[in-house]
């Protein structure tokens, strides 16, 4: 079954990657849904969540986690990181703090994603756990 293959692949990743993905990366990007009413909040959510949702077809086709999962993040999160870094929307209080958290988390993710995308492009098509 494809979902069991994906789960096994996820569990084959190093533990720190599992914690990073489902303890930090997914929750922080998903939390953008709570800021839709802020200036630019819809675009922040579209870029943050959209990049993650684009990984679903990759996981389904590959039946697991591979370096190809970096590819859907590159454009949307790069745009978002540049936007938030240089022209941040004027959010106030805790919402502004959340933007800084999102900027930090997705910047760190891109530091992994660009090298992984390059490795994938050069032929590293392994799927974790297979």
N, C-alpha and C. Protein backbone atom coordinates (compact mmCIF):
# COMPACT_ATOMS: atom_id res chain seq x y z
N UNK A 1 0.84 -1.18 0.00
CA UNK A 1 0.00 0.00 0.00
C UNK A 1 0.89 1.25 0.00
N UNK A 2 0.52 2.24 -0.79
CA UNK A 2 1.36 3.41 -0.99
C UNK A 2 1.58 4.20 0.30
N UNK A 3 0.54 4.34 1.12
CA UNK A 3 0.70 5.13 2.34
C UNK A 3 1.61 4.44 3.34
N UNK A 4 1.58 3.14 3.38
CA UNK A 4 2.48 2.40 4.25
C UNK A 4 3.92 2.54 3.75
N UNK A 5 4.12 2.50 2.44
CA UNK A 5 5.45 2.71 1.86
C UNK A 5 5.98 4.10 2.22
N UNK A 6 5.12 5.10 2.14
CA UNK A 6 5.52 6.48 2.47
C UNK A 6 5.89 6.57 3.95
N UNK A 7 5.08 5.95 4.81
CA UNK A 7 5.36 5.97 6.24
C UNK A 7 6.70 5.29 6.55
N UNK A 8 6.93 4.13 5.94
CA UNK A 8 8.20 3.42 6.16
C UNK A 8 9.38 4.26 5.67
N UNK A 9 9.20 4.93 4.55
CA UNK A 9 10.26 5.78 4.02
C UNK A 9 10.55 6.94 4.97
N UNK A 10 9.48 7.55 5.48
CA UNK A 10 9.65 8.64 6.44
C UNK A 10 10.41 8.16 7.67
N UNK A 11 10.02 6.99 8.18
CA UNK A 11 10.67 6.46 9.39
C UNK A 11 12.11 6.04 9.14
N UNK A 12 12.49 5.87 7.87
CA UNK A 12 13.87 5.53 7.53
C UNK A 12 14.77 6.76 7.50
N UNK A 13 14.18 7.94 7.51
CA UNK A 13 14.97 9.17 7.54
C UNK A 13 15.64 9.30 8.91
N UNK A 14 16.76 10.02 8.97
CA UNK A 14 17.37 10.26 10.29
C UNK A 14 16.35 10.92 11.24
N UNK A 15 16.47 10.59 12.52
CA UNK A 15 15.49 11.10 13.48
C UNK A 15 15.43 12.62 13.50
N UNK A 16 16.57 13.29 13.36
CA UNK A 16 16.54 14.76 13.39
C UNK A 16 15.75 15.31 12.20
N UNK A 17 15.79 14.61 11.06
CA UNK A 17 15.01 15.06 9.89
C UNK A 17 13.52 14.86 10.16
N UNK A 18 13.16 13.74 10.76
CA UNK A 18 11.76 13.50 11.10
C UNK A 18 11.24 14.59 12.04
N UNK A 19 12.03 14.94 13.05
CA UNK A 19 11.64 15.98 14.00
C UNK A 19 11.55 17.33 13.29
N UNK A 20 12.53 17.63 12.45
CA UNK A 20 12.53 18.89 11.71
C UNK A 20 11.27 19.01 10.85
N UNK A 21 10.97 17.95 10.09
CA UNK A 21 9.85 18.00 9.15
C UNK A 21 8.52 18.11 9.89
N UNK A 22 8.24 17.18 10.78
CA UNK A 22 6.91 17.14 11.39
C UNK A 22 6.80 17.83 12.74
N UNK A 23 7.93 18.24 13.30
CA UNK A 23 7.89 18.98 14.55
C UNK A 23 8.05 20.47 14.38
N UNK A 24 8.64 20.89 13.25
CA UNK A 24 8.92 22.32 13.04
C UNK A 24 8.41 22.79 11.68
N UNK A 25 8.91 22.21 10.60
CA UNK A 25 8.64 22.72 9.25
C UNK A 25 7.15 22.70 8.90
N UNK A 26 6.50 21.56 9.03
CA UNK A 26 5.08 21.46 8.68
C UNK A 26 4.22 22.31 9.62
N UNK A 27 4.42 22.24 10.95
CA UNK A 27 3.57 23.07 11.81
C UNK A 27 3.72 24.57 11.56
N UNK A 28 4.94 25.05 11.39
CA UNK A 28 5.13 26.50 11.20
C UNK A 28 4.51 26.95 9.89
N UNK A 29 4.74 26.22 8.81
CA UNK A 29 4.15 26.61 7.53
C UNK A 29 2.63 26.48 7.55
N UNK A 30 2.13 25.45 8.21
CA UNK A 30 0.68 25.27 8.30
C UNK A 30 0.02 26.37 9.12
N UNK A 31 0.71 26.90 10.11
CA UNK A 31 0.15 27.93 10.98
C UNK A 31 -0.15 29.23 10.23
N UNK A 32 0.37 29.37 9.02
CA UNK A 32 0.06 30.58 8.24
C UNK A 32 -1.44 30.72 8.01
N UNK A 33 -2.16 29.63 8.08
CA UNK A 33 -3.61 29.66 7.89
C UNK A 33 -4.30 30.55 8.93
N UNK A 34 -3.67 30.72 10.09
CA UNK A 34 -4.24 31.53 11.16
C UNK A 34 -4.01 33.03 10.96
N UNK A 35 -3.27 33.40 9.92
CA UNK A 35 -2.93 34.81 9.70
C UNK A 35 -3.48 35.33 8.37
N UNK A 36 -4.50 34.68 7.86
CA UNK A 36 -5.07 35.09 6.57
C UNK A 36 -5.59 36.52 6.59
N UNK A 37 -6.04 37.02 7.74
CA UNK A 37 -6.58 38.37 7.84
C UNK A 37 -5.54 39.46 7.92
N UNK A 38 -4.28 39.09 8.07
CA UNK A 38 -3.19 40.07 8.12
C UNK A 38 -2.88 40.57 6.71
N UNK A 39 -2.29 41.76 6.59
CA UNK A 39 -1.91 42.25 5.25
C UNK A 39 -0.99 41.24 4.55
N UNK A 40 -1.38 40.81 3.37
CA UNK A 40 -0.59 39.84 2.62
C UNK A 40 -0.69 38.42 3.16
N UNK A 41 -1.55 38.21 4.15
CA UNK A 41 -1.64 36.91 4.80
C UNK A 41 -2.05 35.78 3.87
N UNK A 42 -2.91 36.09 2.92
CA UNK A 42 -3.33 35.06 1.96
C UNK A 42 -2.13 34.61 1.13
N UNK A 43 -1.32 35.57 0.68
CA UNK A 43 -0.15 35.22 -0.14
C UNK A 43 0.89 34.46 0.67
N UNK A 44 1.07 34.85 1.92
CA UNK A 44 2.00 34.13 2.79
C UNK A 44 1.55 32.67 2.90
N UNK A 45 0.26 32.45 3.15
CA UNK A 45 -0.26 31.08 3.28
C UNK A 45 -0.15 30.31 1.98
N UNK A 46 -0.48 30.95 0.87
CA UNK A 46 -0.40 30.27 -0.43
C UNK A 46 1.03 29.80 -0.70
N UNK A 47 2.01 30.67 -0.45
CA UNK A 47 3.41 30.30 -0.71
C UNK A 47 3.90 29.25 0.29
N UNK A 48 3.55 29.43 1.57
CA UNK A 48 4.04 28.51 2.61
C UNK A 48 3.42 27.13 2.47
N UNK A 49 2.09 27.09 2.40
CA UNK A 49 1.39 25.81 2.36
C UNK A 49 1.45 25.20 0.97
N UNK A 50 1.39 26.04 -0.05
CA UNK A 50 1.44 25.53 -1.43
C UNK A 50 2.68 24.72 -1.72
N UNK A 51 3.82 25.20 -1.22
CA UNK A 51 5.08 24.48 -1.45
C UNK A 51 5.05 23.10 -0.80
N UNK A 52 4.41 23.03 0.37
CA UNK A 52 4.32 21.72 1.04
C UNK A 52 3.35 20.79 0.31
N UNK A 53 2.22 21.33 -0.12
CA UNK A 53 1.22 20.50 -0.80
C UNK A 53 1.76 19.91 -2.10
N UNK A 54 2.66 20.64 -2.75
CA UNK A 54 3.25 20.14 -3.99
C UNK A 54 4.12 18.91 -3.77
N UNK A 55 4.46 18.64 -2.51
CA UNK A 55 5.22 17.42 -2.21
C UNK A 55 4.37 16.17 -2.24
N UNK A 56 3.06 16.31 -2.09
CA UNK A 56 2.19 15.13 -2.08
C UNK A 56 2.33 14.30 -3.35
N UNK A 57 2.25 14.91 -4.55
CA UNK A 57 2.42 14.09 -5.76
C UNK A 57 3.80 13.42 -5.83
N UNK A 58 4.84 14.11 -5.35
CA UNK A 58 6.18 13.54 -5.37
C UNK A 58 6.21 12.29 -4.48
N UNK A 59 5.66 12.41 -3.27
CA UNK A 59 5.64 11.26 -2.36
C UNK A 59 4.82 10.10 -2.92
N UNK A 60 3.70 10.42 -3.55
CA UNK A 60 2.85 9.36 -4.09
C UNK A 60 3.53 8.64 -5.25
N UNK A 61 4.13 9.39 -6.16
CA UNK A 61 4.80 8.79 -7.31
C UNK A 61 6.01 7.98 -6.87
N UNK A 62 6.81 8.54 -5.95
CA UNK A 62 8.02 7.87 -5.51
C UNK A 62 7.76 6.85 -4.41
N UNK A 63 6.55 6.89 -3.85
CA UNK A 63 6.17 6.01 -2.75
C UNK A 63 7.12 6.16 -1.57
N UNK A 64 7.53 7.43 -1.32
CA UNK A 64 8.43 7.70 -0.21
C UNK A 64 9.07 9.06 -0.33
N UNK A 65 10.09 9.25 0.48
CA UNK A 65 10.80 10.53 0.59
C UNK A 65 12.12 10.46 -0.19
N UNK A 66 12.32 11.43 -1.06
CA UNK A 66 13.56 11.50 -1.82
C UNK A 66 13.99 12.96 -1.92
N UNK A 67 15.13 13.18 -2.52
CA UNK A 67 15.62 14.54 -2.71
C UNK A 67 14.75 15.34 -3.67
N UNK A 68 13.92 14.67 -4.44
CA UNK A 68 12.98 15.36 -5.34
C UNK A 68 12.00 16.22 -4.55
N UNK A 69 11.83 15.92 -3.27
CA UNK A 69 10.90 16.70 -2.45
C UNK A 69 11.41 18.11 -2.21
N UNK A 70 12.67 18.38 -2.49
CA UNK A 70 13.20 19.74 -2.36
C UNK A 70 12.70 20.64 -3.50
N UNK A 71 12.45 20.04 -4.65
CA UNK A 71 12.13 20.83 -5.85
C UNK A 71 10.91 21.74 -5.69
N UNK A 72 9.78 21.25 -5.14
CA UNK A 72 8.61 22.13 -5.03
C UNK A 72 8.79 23.30 -4.07
N UNK A 73 9.77 23.23 -3.19
CA UNK A 73 10.00 24.32 -2.24
C UNK A 73 10.76 25.49 -2.86
N UNK A 74 11.58 25.21 -3.86
CA UNK A 74 12.54 26.20 -4.32
C UNK A 74 11.91 27.53 -4.74
N UNK A 75 10.98 27.51 -5.64
CA UNK A 75 10.41 28.76 -6.13
C UNK A 75 9.52 29.44 -5.09
N UNK A 76 8.48 28.76 -4.56
CA UNK A 76 7.60 29.48 -3.64
C UNK A 76 8.30 29.97 -2.37
N UNK A 77 9.13 29.13 -1.76
CA UNK A 77 9.77 29.56 -0.52
C UNK A 77 10.88 30.57 -0.78
N UNK A 78 11.56 30.49 -1.92
CA UNK A 78 12.56 31.51 -2.23
C UNK A 78 11.89 32.87 -2.41
N UNK A 79 10.78 32.90 -3.13
CA UNK A 79 10.03 34.14 -3.30
C UNK A 79 9.58 34.66 -1.94
N UNK A 80 9.04 33.78 -1.11
CA UNK A 80 8.53 34.19 0.19
C UNK A 80 9.66 34.70 1.09
N UNK A 81 10.78 34.01 1.11
CA UNK A 81 11.90 34.42 1.95
C UNK A 81 12.43 35.78 1.51
N UNK A 82 12.56 35.99 0.21
CA UNK A 82 13.02 37.29 -0.27
C UNK A 82 12.01 38.39 0.08
N UNK A 83 10.74 38.09 -0.13
CA UNK A 83 9.68 39.05 0.18
C UNK A 83 9.70 39.40 1.68
N UNK A 84 9.67 38.38 2.54
CA UNK A 84 9.63 38.63 3.98
C UNK A 84 10.92 39.27 4.48
N UNK A 85 12.03 38.93 3.84
CA UNK A 85 13.31 39.49 4.27
C UNK A 85 13.50 40.95 3.88
N UNK A 86 13.01 41.32 2.71
CA UNK A 86 13.26 42.68 2.21
C UNK A 86 12.04 43.60 2.23
N UNK A 87 10.85 43.06 2.10
CA UNK A 87 9.62 43.86 2.05
C UNK A 87 8.53 43.22 2.91
N UNK A 88 8.81 43.02 4.21
CA UNK A 88 7.84 42.28 5.03
C UNK A 88 6.51 43.03 5.16
N UNK A 89 5.40 42.28 5.13
CA UNK A 89 4.11 42.91 5.39
C UNK A 89 4.10 43.50 6.80
N UNK A 90 3.31 44.50 7.00
CA UNK A 90 3.27 45.19 8.29
C UNK A 90 2.33 44.50 9.26
N UNK A 91 2.80 43.40 9.82
CA UNK A 91 2.04 42.68 10.83
C UNK A 91 2.48 43.21 12.19
N UNK A 92 1.60 43.14 13.16
CA UNK A 92 1.88 43.70 14.48
C UNK A 92 1.93 42.59 15.54
N UNK A 93 2.62 42.88 16.63
CA UNK A 93 2.63 41.99 17.79
C UNK A 93 3.11 40.59 17.49
N UNK A 94 2.35 39.62 18.00
CA UNK A 94 2.70 38.21 17.83
C UNK A 94 2.72 37.78 16.37
N UNK A 95 1.88 38.41 15.56
CA UNK A 95 1.86 38.07 14.13
C UNK A 95 3.20 38.45 13.49
N UNK A 96 3.75 39.58 13.87
CA UNK A 96 5.06 39.99 13.34
C UNK A 96 6.14 39.02 13.78
N UNK A 97 6.06 38.58 15.04
CA UNK A 97 7.02 37.58 15.53
C UNK A 97 6.90 36.28 14.76
N UNK A 98 5.67 35.90 14.44
CA UNK A 98 5.46 34.68 13.66
C UNK A 98 6.11 34.81 12.29
N UNK A 99 6.01 35.98 11.65
CA UNK A 99 6.64 36.17 10.34
C UNK A 99 8.14 35.93 10.41
N UNK A 100 8.77 36.41 11.49
CA UNK A 100 10.22 36.19 11.66
C UNK A 100 10.51 34.71 11.83
N UNK A 101 9.65 34.01 12.58
CA UNK A 101 9.82 32.56 12.74
C UNK A 101 9.69 31.85 11.40
N UNK A 102 8.66 32.20 10.63
CA UNK A 102 8.46 31.60 9.31
C UNK A 102 9.66 31.87 8.40
N UNK A 103 10.13 33.10 8.42
CA UNK A 103 11.31 33.46 7.61
C UNK A 103 12.51 32.61 8.00
N UNK A 104 12.75 32.45 9.29
CA UNK A 104 13.89 31.66 9.76
C UNK A 104 13.74 30.19 9.37
N UNK A 105 12.57 29.61 9.60
CA UNK A 105 12.35 28.19 9.33
C UNK A 105 12.50 27.89 7.85
N UNK A 106 11.88 28.70 7.00
CA UNK A 106 11.95 28.41 5.57
C UNK A 106 13.31 28.76 4.98
N UNK A 107 14.01 29.71 5.57
CA UNK A 107 15.39 29.98 5.13
C UNK A 107 16.28 28.79 5.44
N UNK A 108 16.13 28.23 6.64
CA UNK A 108 16.91 27.04 7.01
C UNK A 108 16.55 25.89 6.08
N UNK A 109 15.26 25.71 5.81
CA UNK A 109 14.84 24.64 4.92
C UNK A 109 15.48 24.78 3.54
N UNK A 110 15.51 26.00 3.04
CA UNK A 110 16.12 26.22 1.71
C UNK A 110 17.62 25.92 1.71
N UNK A 111 18.27 26.08 2.85
CA UNK A 111 19.69 25.72 2.94
C UNK A 111 19.89 24.21 2.74
N UNK A 112 18.86 23.43 3.05
CA UNK A 112 18.89 21.99 2.76
C UNK A 112 18.36 21.71 1.36
N UNK A 113 17.33 22.45 0.95
CA UNK A 113 16.63 22.16 -0.30
C UNK A 113 17.49 22.42 -1.54
N UNK A 114 18.24 23.51 -1.57
CA UNK A 114 19.04 23.79 -2.77
C UNK A 114 20.09 22.71 -3.01
N UNK A 115 20.88 22.31 -2.00
CA UNK A 115 21.82 21.20 -2.24
C UNK A 115 21.13 19.89 -2.59
N UNK A 116 20.00 19.59 -1.94
CA UNK A 116 19.28 18.36 -2.26
C UNK A 116 18.75 18.37 -3.69
N UNK A 117 18.25 19.52 -4.12
CA UNK A 117 17.76 19.64 -5.50
C UNK A 117 18.91 19.42 -6.50
N UNK A 118 20.06 19.97 -6.18
CA UNK A 118 21.22 19.79 -7.05
C UNK A 118 21.65 18.32 -7.08
N UNK A 119 21.65 17.67 -5.93
CA UNK A 119 21.99 16.24 -5.89
C UNK A 119 20.99 15.43 -6.70
N UNK A 120 19.71 15.77 -6.58
CA UNK A 120 18.69 15.06 -7.36
C UNK A 120 18.94 15.29 -8.85
N UNK A 121 19.20 16.53 -9.23
CA UNK A 121 19.44 16.87 -10.63
C UNK A 121 20.63 16.10 -11.19
N UNK A 122 21.63 15.86 -10.34
CA UNK A 122 22.84 15.14 -10.76
C UNK A 122 22.69 13.62 -10.69
N UNK A 123 21.49 13.15 -10.30
CA UNK A 123 21.24 11.72 -10.39
C UNK A 123 20.96 10.98 -9.11
N UNK A 124 20.99 11.65 -7.95
CA UNK A 124 20.70 10.96 -6.69
C UNK A 124 19.19 10.86 -6.54
N UNK A 125 18.63 9.77 -7.01
CA UNK A 125 17.18 9.58 -7.02
C UNK A 125 16.73 8.56 -5.98
N UNK A 126 17.59 8.27 -5.01
CA UNK A 126 17.24 7.28 -3.98
C UNK A 126 16.01 7.72 -3.19
N UNK A 127 15.21 6.75 -2.81
CA UNK A 127 14.07 6.97 -1.93
C UNK A 127 14.44 6.36 -0.58
N UNK A 128 14.29 7.14 0.48
CA UNK A 128 14.65 6.66 1.82
C UNK A 128 13.93 5.35 2.13
N UNK A 129 14.67 4.42 2.68
CA UNK A 129 14.08 3.15 3.09
C UNK A 129 13.95 2.11 2.00
N UNK A 130 14.41 2.42 0.80
CA UNK A 130 14.31 1.44 -0.30
C UNK A 130 15.68 1.04 -0.77
